[in-house]
Amino acid sequence: MLVIDDKIKASGEYMSMDNPTDCLDKHHFNNYKKVISYDYNSRGFRDNEWPEDLSEVVWCLGDSFTVGIGQPQSETWPAILEKKIKKRCLNLGEDGCSNDTIALRTKNIVDQFNPSLIVVMWSYFHRRRVNGNNVQHDKTDFGDQEDMENFLKNFESINLLPTRIVHFVIPKAFTEEKNKIIKQKYQDIIFLKNLDYARDGHHFDIKTSNIIAEYTQRRFFR
């Protein structure tokens, strides 16, 4: 759960859809001024190496929006949060990660490390973990109602864990109508919107990262 084998020590100029061919907006891509490189640590996460003492770190979980696809590493929301609160914030973002995997990873962290704070950024509701792999859809569990039930199952399974957890949801993870239904029941869930766009034209950039970090700082580090 805490190692991504195929990303261990990976590096490159481009990653995922952040490249001249697969980006959503080629004009935006070509005119993006910030320098981006992708460097993954010995656990396969886009982050510096973990410290030996993990007792005081903040754990940041999510998918490619947490990895910071299309952003400089220093402008990902875990990196900005780390600067604001002056505590080590571990980036456990995984490109294409499902909410099933995010929930399992969160439980694994709680079981092993007894963390004081976890910040979760939930992924697209249609994704699933099938036979140990993240997939875009599970043909045996498909549809809006099934997607909402699967999200709530995962959310509720970690929301009762004995640690503080902040819950964000990536932009356009689900329908606006269903978001409102979920928000009525769980008011602490923050459904995000893109305030700006990273180089690939899909993921958010530093303005949105700042909002995430500032909210977490206000809530837990006054």
C-alpha atoms as a PDB file:
ATOM      1  CA  MET A   1       0.000   0.000   0.000  1.00  0.00           C
ATOM      2  CA  LEU A   2       2.834   2.407   0.768  1.00  0.00           C
ATOM      3  CA  VAL A   3       5.050   1.586  -2.221  1.00  0.00           C
ATOM      4  CA  ILE A   4       4.274   2.015  -5.931  1.00  0.00           C
ATOM      5  CA  ASP A   5       6.693  -0.367  -7.579  1.00  0.00           C
ATOM      6  CA  ASP A   6       6.552   0.932 -11.153  1.00  0.00           C
ATOM      7  CA  LYS A   7       7.324   4.498 -10.055  1.00  0.00           C
ATOM      8  CA  ILE A   8      10.289   3.838  -7.751  1.00  0.00           C
ATOM      9  CA  LYS A   9      12.986   6.404  -8.594  1.00  0.00           C
ATOM     10  CA  ALA A  10      11.229   7.270 -11.856  1.00  0.00           C
ATOM     11  CA  SER A  11      12.043  10.625 -13.414  1.00  0.00           C
ATOM     12  CA  GLY A  12      11.280  12.576 -16.561  1.00  0.00           C
ATOM     13  CA  GLU A  13      10.196  15.816 -18.155  1.00  0.00           C
ATOM     14  CA  TYR A  14       6.671  14.559 -18.883  1.00  0.00           C
ATOM     15  CA  MET A  15       4.263  12.268 -17.052  1.00  0.00           C
ATOM     16  CA  SER A  16       0.759  10.950 -17.706  1.00  0.00           C
ATOM     17  CA  MET A  17      -1.269  13.439 -19.791  1.00  0.00           C
ATOM     18  CA  ASP A  18       1.224  16.215 -19.149  1.00  0.00           C
ATOM     19  CA  ASN A  19       2.919  15.982 -22.528  1.00  0.00           C
ATOM     20  CA  PRO A  20       2.588  17.776 -25.899  1.00  0.00           C
ATOM     21  CA  THR A  21       0.437  15.003 -27.398  1.00  0.00           C
ATOM     22  CA  ASP A  22      -2.024  14.120 -24.626  1.00  0.00           C
ATOM     23  CA  CYS A  23      -2.556  17.503 -22.965  1.00  0.00           C
ATOM     24  CA  LEU A  24      -6.043  19.010 -23.256  1.00  0.00           C
ATOM     25  CA  ASP A  25      -4.957  22.465 -24.411  1.00  0.00           C
ATOM     26  CA  LYS A  26      -1.860  22.593 -26.627  1.00  0.00           C
ATOM     27  CA  HIS A  27      -1.786  26.404 -26.682  1.00  0.00           C
ATOM     28  CA  HIS A  28      -1.867  26.507 -22.887  1.00  0.00           C
ATOM     29  CA  PHE A  29       0.770  23.765 -22.708  1.00  0.00           C
ATOM     30  CA  ASN A  30       3.141  25.542 -25.077  1.00  0.00           C
ATOM     31  CA  ASN A  31       2.762  28.855 -23.268  1.00  0.00           C
ATOM     32  CA  TYR A  32       3.157  27.502 -19.735  1.00  0.00           C
ATOM     33  CA  LYS A  33       6.254  29.229 -18.339  1.00  0.00           C
ATOM     34  CA  LYS A  34       7.105  27.216 -15.229  1.00  0.00           C
ATOM     35  CA  VAL A  35       9.735  24.470 -15.394  1.00  0.00           C
ATOM     36  CA  ILE A  36       8.405  21.013 -14.511  1.00  0.00           C
ATOM     37  CA  SER A  37      10.225  17.775 -13.826  1.00  0.00           C
ATOM     38  CA  TYR A  38       8.998  14.524 -12.335  1.00  0.00           C
ATOM     39  CA  ASP A  39      11.159  12.832  -9.720  1.00  0.00           C
ATOM     40  CA  TYR A  40       9.841   9.968  -7.617  1.00  0.00           C
ATOM     41  CA  ASN A  41      11.354   8.710  -4.378  1.00  0.00           C
ATOM     42  CA  SER A  42      12.352   5.191  -3.325  1.00  0.00           C
ATOM     43  CA  ARG A  43       8.723   4.407  -2.445  1.00  0.00           C
ATOM     44  CA  GLY A  44       7.436   5.494  -5.852  1.00  0.00           C
ATOM     45  CA  PHE A  45       5.846   8.789  -4.810  1.00  0.00           C
ATOM     46  CA  ARG A  46       6.572  12.221  -6.264  1.00  0.00           C
ATOM     47  CA  ASP A  47       8.166  13.554  -3.131  1.00  0.00           C
ATOM     48  CA  ASN A  48      11.448  13.796  -1.272  1.00  0.00           C
ATOM     49  CA  GLU A  49      12.550  10.760   0.708  1.00  0.00           C
ATOM     50  CA  TRP A  50      10.578  10.126   3.873  1.00  0.00           C
ATOM     51  CA  PRO A  51      12.204  10.980   7.211  1.00  0.00           C
ATOM     52  CA  GLU A  52      13.063   8.170   9.606  1.00  0.00           C
ATOM     53  CA  ASP A  53      10.764   9.589  12.267  1.00  0.00           C
ATOM     54  CA  LEU A  54       7.186   9.603  10.960  1.00  0.00           C
ATOM     55  CA  SER A  55       5.500  10.417  14.251  1.00  0.00           C
ATOM     56  CA  GLU A  56       4.793  14.085  13.442  1.00  0.00           C
ATOM     57  CA  VAL A  57       4.261  14.052   9.681  1.00  0.00           C
ATOM     58  CA  VAL A  58       1.050  14.959   7.871  1.00  0.00           C
ATOM     59  CA  TRP A  59      -0.078  12.269   5.418  1.00  0.00           C
ATOM     60  CA  CYS A  60      -1.497  13.557   2.091  1.00  0.00           C
ATOM     61  CA  LEU A  61      -3.357  10.999  -0.030  1.00  0.00           C
ATOM     62  CA  GLY A  62      -4.987  11.190  -3.428  1.00  0.00           C
ATOM     63  CA  ASP A  63      -4.648  10.637  -7.142  1.00  0.00           C
ATOM     64  CA  SER A  64      -2.952  12.628  -9.928  1.00  0.00           C
ATOM     65  CA  PHE A  65      -4.256  15.924  -8.503  1.00  0.00           C
ATOM     66  CA  THR A  66      -2.150  15.139  -5.408  1.00  0.00           C
ATOM     67  CA  VAL A  67       0.816  13.955  -7.479  1.00  0.00           C
ATOM     68  CA  GLY A  68       0.602  17.376  -9.096  1.00  0.00           C
ATOM     69  CA  ILE A  69       0.464  16.353 -12.743  1.00  0.00           C
ATOM     70  CA  GLY A  70       1.241  19.464 -14.807  1.00  0.00           C
ATOM     71  CA  GLN A  71       2.704  21.352 -11.816  1.00  0.00           C
ATOM     72  CA  PRO A  72       6.185  21.907 -10.436  1.00  0.00           C
ATOM     73  CA  GLN A  73       6.615  19.639  -7.421  1.00  0.00           C
ATOM     74  CA  SER A  74       7.093  22.672  -5.170  1.00  0.00           C
ATOM     75  CA  GLU A  75       3.583  23.904  -6.075  1.00  0.00           C
ATOM     76  CA  THR A  76       1.647  20.719  -5.347  1.00  0.00           C
ATOM     77  CA  TRP A  77      -0.818  21.138  -2.499  1.00  0.00           C
ATOM     78  CA  PRO A  78       1.145  18.885  -0.078  1.00  0.00           C
ATOM     79  CA  ALA A  79       4.326  20.902  -0.740  1.00  0.00           C
ATOM     80  CA  ILE A  80       2.528  24.213  -0.159  1.00  0.00           C
ATOM     81  CA  LEU A  81       0.878  22.877   2.991  1.00  0.00           C
ATOM     82  CA  GLU A  82       4.302  21.822   4.270  1.00  0.00           C
ATOM     83  CA  LYS A  83       5.640  25.363   3.821  1.00  0.00           C
ATOM     84  CA  LYS A  84       2.644  26.933   5.539  1.00  0.00           C
ATOM     85  CA  ILE A  85       2.524  24.727   8.627  1.00  0.00           C
ATOM     86  CA  LYS A  86       6.270  23.986   8.838  1.00  0.00           C
ATOM     87  CA  LYS A  87       5.631  20.266   9.281  1.00  0.00           C
ATOM     88  CA  ARG A  88       6.719  17.498   6.942  1.00  0.00           C
ATOM     89  CA  CYS A  89       3.810  16.640   4.625  1.00  0.00           C
ATOM     90  CA  LEU A  90       4.203  13.351   2.782  1.00  0.00           C
ATOM     91  CA  ASN A  91       2.780  13.243  -0.741  1.00  0.00           C
ATOM     92  CA  LEU A  92       1.147   9.848  -1.337  1.00  0.00           C
ATOM     93  CA  GLY A  93      -0.538  10.782  -4.598  1.00  0.00           C
ATOM     94  CA  GLU A  94      -0.894   8.031  -7.196  1.00  0.00           C
ATOM     95  CA  ASP A  95      -1.874   8.705 -10.795  1.00  0.00           C
ATOM     96  CA  GLY A  96      -5.152   6.912 -11.585  1.00  0.00           C
ATOM     97  CA  CYS A  97      -5.769   5.988  -7.960  1.00  0.00           C
ATOM     98  CA  SER A  98      -9.246   4.761  -7.028  1.00  0.00           C
ATOM     99  CA  ASN A  99     -11.123   5.663  -3.874  1.00  0.00           C
ATOM    100  CA  ASP A 100     -10.969   2.000  -2.881  1.00  0.00           C
ATOM    101  CA  THR A 101      -7.171   2.209  -2.848  1.00  0.00           C
ATOM    102  CA  ILE A 102      -7.155   5.581  -1.088  1.00  0.00           C
ATOM    103  CA  ALA A 103      -9.305   4.136   1.705  1.00  0.00           C
ATOM    104  CA  LEU A 104      -7.130   1.029   2.045  1.00  0.00           C
ATOM    105  CA  ARG A 105      -3.979   3.158   2.091  1.00  0.00           C
ATOM    106  CA  THR A 106      -5.453   5.390   4.781  1.00  0.00           C
ATOM    107  CA  LYS A 107      -6.316   2.410   6.982  1.00  0.00           C
ATOM    108  CA  ASN A 108      -2.827   1.021   6.482  1.00  0.00           C
ATOM    109  CA  ILE A 109      -1.273   4.299   7.636  1.00  0.00           C
ATOM    110  CA  VAL A 110      -3.487   4.452  10.723  1.00  0.00           C
ATOM    111  CA  ASP A 111      -2.683   0.838  11.613  1.00  0.00           C
ATOM    112  CA  GLN A 112       1.074   1.289  11.216  1.00  0.00           C
ATOM    113  CA  PHE A 113       1.800   4.840  12.320  1.00  0.00           C
ATOM    114  CA  ASN A 114      -0.995   6.216  14.508  1.00  0.00           C
ATOM    115  CA  PRO A 115      -0.935   9.556  12.634  1.00  0.00           C
ATOM    116  CA  SER A 116      -2.154  12.842  14.085  1.00  0.00           C
ATOM    117  CA  LEU A 117      -3.507  14.168  10.768  1.00  0.00           C
ATOM    118  CA  ILE A 118      -4.364  12.771   7.331  1.00  0.00           C
ATOM    119  CA  VAL A 119      -5.516  14.902   4.410  1.00  0.00           C
ATOM    120  CA  VAL A 120      -7.448  12.891   1.817  1.00  0.00           C
ATOM    121  CA  MET A 121      -8.302  14.117  -1.650  1.00  0.00           C
ATOM    122  CA  TRP A 122     -10.847  11.669  -3.045  1.00  0.00           C
ATOM    123  CA  SER A 123     -10.745  10.696  -6.716  1.00  0.00           C
ATOM    124  CA  TYR A 124     -13.294  10.089  -9.494  1.00  0.00           C
ATOM    125  CA  PHE A 125     -16.210   8.080  -8.149  1.00  0.00           C
ATOM    126  CA  HIS A 126     -16.276   5.691 -11.125  1.00  0.00           C
ATOM    127  CA  ARG A 127     -12.819   4.304 -10.416  1.00  0.00           C
ATOM    128  CA  ARG A 128     -12.470   0.996  -8.588  1.00  0.00           C
ATOM    129  CA  ARG A 129      -9.840  -1.358  -7.234  1.00  0.00           C
ATOM    130  CA  VAL A 130     -10.234  -4.740  -8.944  1.00  0.00           C
ATOM    131  CA  ASN A 131      -7.901  -7.669  -8.262  1.00  0.00           C
ATOM    132  CA  GLY A 132      -5.417  -5.311  -6.641  1.00  0.00           C
ATOM    133  CA  ASN A 133      -5.363  -2.847  -9.529  1.00  0.00           C
ATOM    134  CA  ASN A 134      -6.882   0.607 -10.025  1.00  0.00           C
ATOM    135  CA  VAL A 135      -9.321   0.619 -12.961  1.00  0.00           C
ATOM    136  CA  GLN A 136     -11.454   3.341 -14.523  1.00  0.00           C
ATOM    137  CA  HIS A 137     -14.673   1.290 -14.289  1.00  0.00           C
ATOM    138  CA  ASP A 138     -15.812  -2.024 -12.862  1.00  0.00           C
ATOM    139  CA  LYS A 139     -18.328  -3.564 -15.250  1.00  0.00           C
ATOM    140  CA  THR A 140     -19.837  -5.522 -12.350  1.00  0.00           C
ATOM    141  CA  ASP A 141     -20.442  -2.370 -10.288  1.00  0.00           C
ATOM    142  CA  PHE A 142     -21.358   0.359 -12.747  1.00  0.00           C
ATOM    143  CA  GLY A 143     -23.635   3.425 -12.635  1.00  0.00           C
ATOM    144  CA  ASP A 144     -24.191   6.691 -10.742  1.00  0.00           C
ATOM    145  CA  GLN A 145     -25.957   5.070  -7.798  1.00  0.00           C
ATOM    146  CA  GLU A 146     -23.294   2.385  -7.502  1.00  0.00           C
ATOM    147  CA  ASP A 147     -20.572   5.039  -7.725  1.00  0.00           C
ATOM    148  CA  MET A 148     -22.117   7.084  -4.922  1.00  0.00           C
ATOM    149  CA  GLU A 149     -22.593   4.027  -2.713  1.00  0.00           C
ATOM    150  CA  ASN A 150     -18.988   2.977  -3.292  1.00  0.00           C
ATOM    151  CA  PHE A 151     -17.706   6.439  -2.386  1.00  0.00           C
ATOM    152  CA  LEU A 152     -19.801   6.587   0.782  1.00  0.00           C
ATOM    153  CA  LYS A 153     -18.625   3.120   1.786  1.00  0.00           C
ATOM    154  CA  ASN A 154     -15.008   4.233   1.496  1.00  0.00           C
ATOM    155  CA  PHE A 155     -15.585   7.610   3.112  1.00  0.00           C
ATOM    156  CA  GLU A 156     -17.454   6.178   6.090  1.00  0.00           C
ATOM    157  CA  SER A 157     -14.897   3.401   6.576  1.00  0.00           C
ATOM    158  CA  ILE A 158     -12.088   5.886   7.231  1.00  0.00           C
ATOM    159  CA  ASN A 159     -14.066   8.764   8.734  1.00  0.00           C
ATOM    160  CA  LEU A 160     -14.512   6.732  11.920  1.00  0.00           C
ATOM    161  CA  LEU A 161     -10.803   5.991  12.289  1.00  0.00           C
ATOM    162  CA  PRO A 162      -9.112   7.283  15.464  1.00  0.00           C
ATOM    163  CA  THR A 163      -7.316  10.219  13.845  1.00  0.00           C
ATOM    164  CA  ARG A 164      -8.098  13.640  12.405  1.00  0.00           C
ATOM    165  CA  ILE A 165      -8.921  13.529   8.700  1.00  0.00           C
ATOM    166  CA  VAL A 166      -9.593  16.350   6.241  1.00  0.00           C
ATOM    167  CA  HIS A 167     -11.704  15.352   3.232  1.00  0.00           C
ATOM    168  CA  PHE A 168     -11.453  17.027  -0.172  1.00  0.00           C
ATOM    169  CA  VAL A 169     -12.886  15.769  -3.471  1.00  0.00           C
ATOM    170  CA  ILE A 170     -11.164  16.544  -6.782  1.00  0.00           C
ATOM    171  CA  PRO A 171     -12.959  18.770  -9.325  1.00  0.00           C
ATOM    172  CA  LYS A 172     -15.686  17.034 -11.352  1.00  0.00           C
ATOM    173  CA  ALA A 173     -15.300  13.741  -9.529  1.00  0.00           C
ATOM    174  CA  PHE A 174     -19.069  13.220  -9.655  1.00  0.00           C
ATOM    175  CA  THR A 175     -22.250  15.015 -10.721  1.00  0.00           C
ATOM    176  CA  GLU A 176     -23.209  18.331  -9.103  1.00  0.00           C
ATOM    177  CA  GLU A 177     -26.607  16.896  -8.156  1.00  0.00           C
ATOM    178  CA  LYS A 178     -25.090  13.954  -6.301  1.00  0.00           C
ATOM    179  CA  ASN A 179     -22.463  16.203  -4.692  1.00  0.00           C
ATOM    180  CA  LYS A 180     -25.257  18.234  -3.094  1.00  0.00           C
ATOM    181  CA  ILE A 181     -26.876  15.093  -1.690  1.00  0.00           C
ATOM    182  CA  ILE A 182     -23.585  13.978  -0.152  1.00  0.00           C
ATOM    183  CA  LYS A 183     -22.852  17.475   1.169  1.00  0.00           C
ATOM    184  CA  GLN A 184     -26.204  17.588   2.966  1.00  0.00           C
ATOM    185  CA  LYS A 185     -25.206  14.530   4.973  1.00  0.00           C
ATOM    186  CA  TYR A 186     -21.479  15.217   5.373  1.00  0.00           C
ATOM    187  CA  GLN A 187     -20.921  18.956   5.538  1.00  0.00           C
ATOM    188  CA  ASP A 188     -17.176  18.676   6.218  1.00  0.00           C
ATOM    189  CA  ILE A 189     -16.428  17.264   2.749  1.00  0.00           C
ATOM    190  CA  ILE A 190     -14.950  19.976   0.504  1.00  0.00           C
ATOM    191  CA  PHE A 191     -15.832  19.576  -3.183  1.00  0.00           C
ATOM    192  CA  LEU A 192     -13.159  21.414  -5.170  1.00  0.00           C
ATOM    193  CA  LYS A 193     -13.332  23.411  -8.379  1.00  0.00           C
ATOM    194  CA  ASN A 194     -10.455  24.404 -10.645  1.00  0.00           C
ATOM    195  CA  LEU A 195      -9.444  27.989  -9.928  1.00  0.00           C
ATOM    196  CA  ASP A 196      -6.677  27.583 -12.490  1.00  0.00           C
ATOM    197  CA  TYR A 197      -5.133  24.944 -14.740  1.00  0.00           C
ATOM    198  CA  ALA A 198      -1.787  23.177 -14.715  1.00  0.00           C
ATOM    199  CA  ARG A 199       0.292  22.725 -17.860  1.00  0.00           C
ATOM    200  CA  ASP A 200      -1.734  19.745 -19.086  1.00  0.00           C
ATOM    201  CA  GLY A 201      -4.971  21.796 -19.124  1.00  0.00           C
ATOM    202  CA  HIS A 202      -6.837  19.378 -16.850  1.00  0.00           C
ATOM    203  CA  HIS A 203      -5.346  19.364 -13.356  1.00  0.00           C
ATOM    204  CA  PHE A 204      -5.369  22.425 -11.125  1.00  0.00           C
ATOM    205  CA  ASP A 205      -2.416  24.725 -10.521  1.00  0.00           C
ATOM    206  CA  ILE A 206      -1.037  26.833  -7.679  1.00  0.00           C
ATOM    207  CA  LYS A 207      -4.129  28.973  -6.937  1.00  0.00           C
ATOM    208  CA  THR A 208      -6.200  25.887  -6.176  1.00  0.00           C
ATOM    209  CA  SER A 209      -3.302  24.261  -4.308  1.00  0.00           C
ATOM    210  CA  ASN A 210      -3.095  27.345  -2.101  1.00  0.00           C
ATOM    211  CA  ILE A 211      -6.808  27.174  -1.227  1.00  0.00           C
ATOM    212  CA  ILE A 212      -6.423  23.544  -0.121  1.00  0.00           C
ATOM    213  CA  ALA A 213      -3.382  24.313   2.012  1.00  0.00           C
ATOM    214  CA  GLU A 214      -4.937  27.432   3.542  1.00  0.00           C
ATOM    215  CA  TYR A 215      -8.147  25.616   4.483  1.00  0.00           C
ATOM    216  CA  THR A 216      -6.191  22.825   6.185  1.00  0.00           C
ATOM    217  CA  GLN A 217      -3.971  25.315   7.964  1.00  0.00           C
ATOM    218  CA  ARG A 218      -6.926  27.315   9.281  1.00  0.00           C
ATOM    219  CA  ARG A 219      -8.704  24.217  10.491  1.00  0.00           C
ATOM    220  CA  PHE A 220      -5.863  22.503  12.321  1.00  0.00           C
ATOM    221  CA  PHE A 221      -2.892  24.854  12.690  1.00  0.00           C
ATOM    222  CA  ARG A 222      -4.206  28.185  13.997  1.00  0.00           C
END
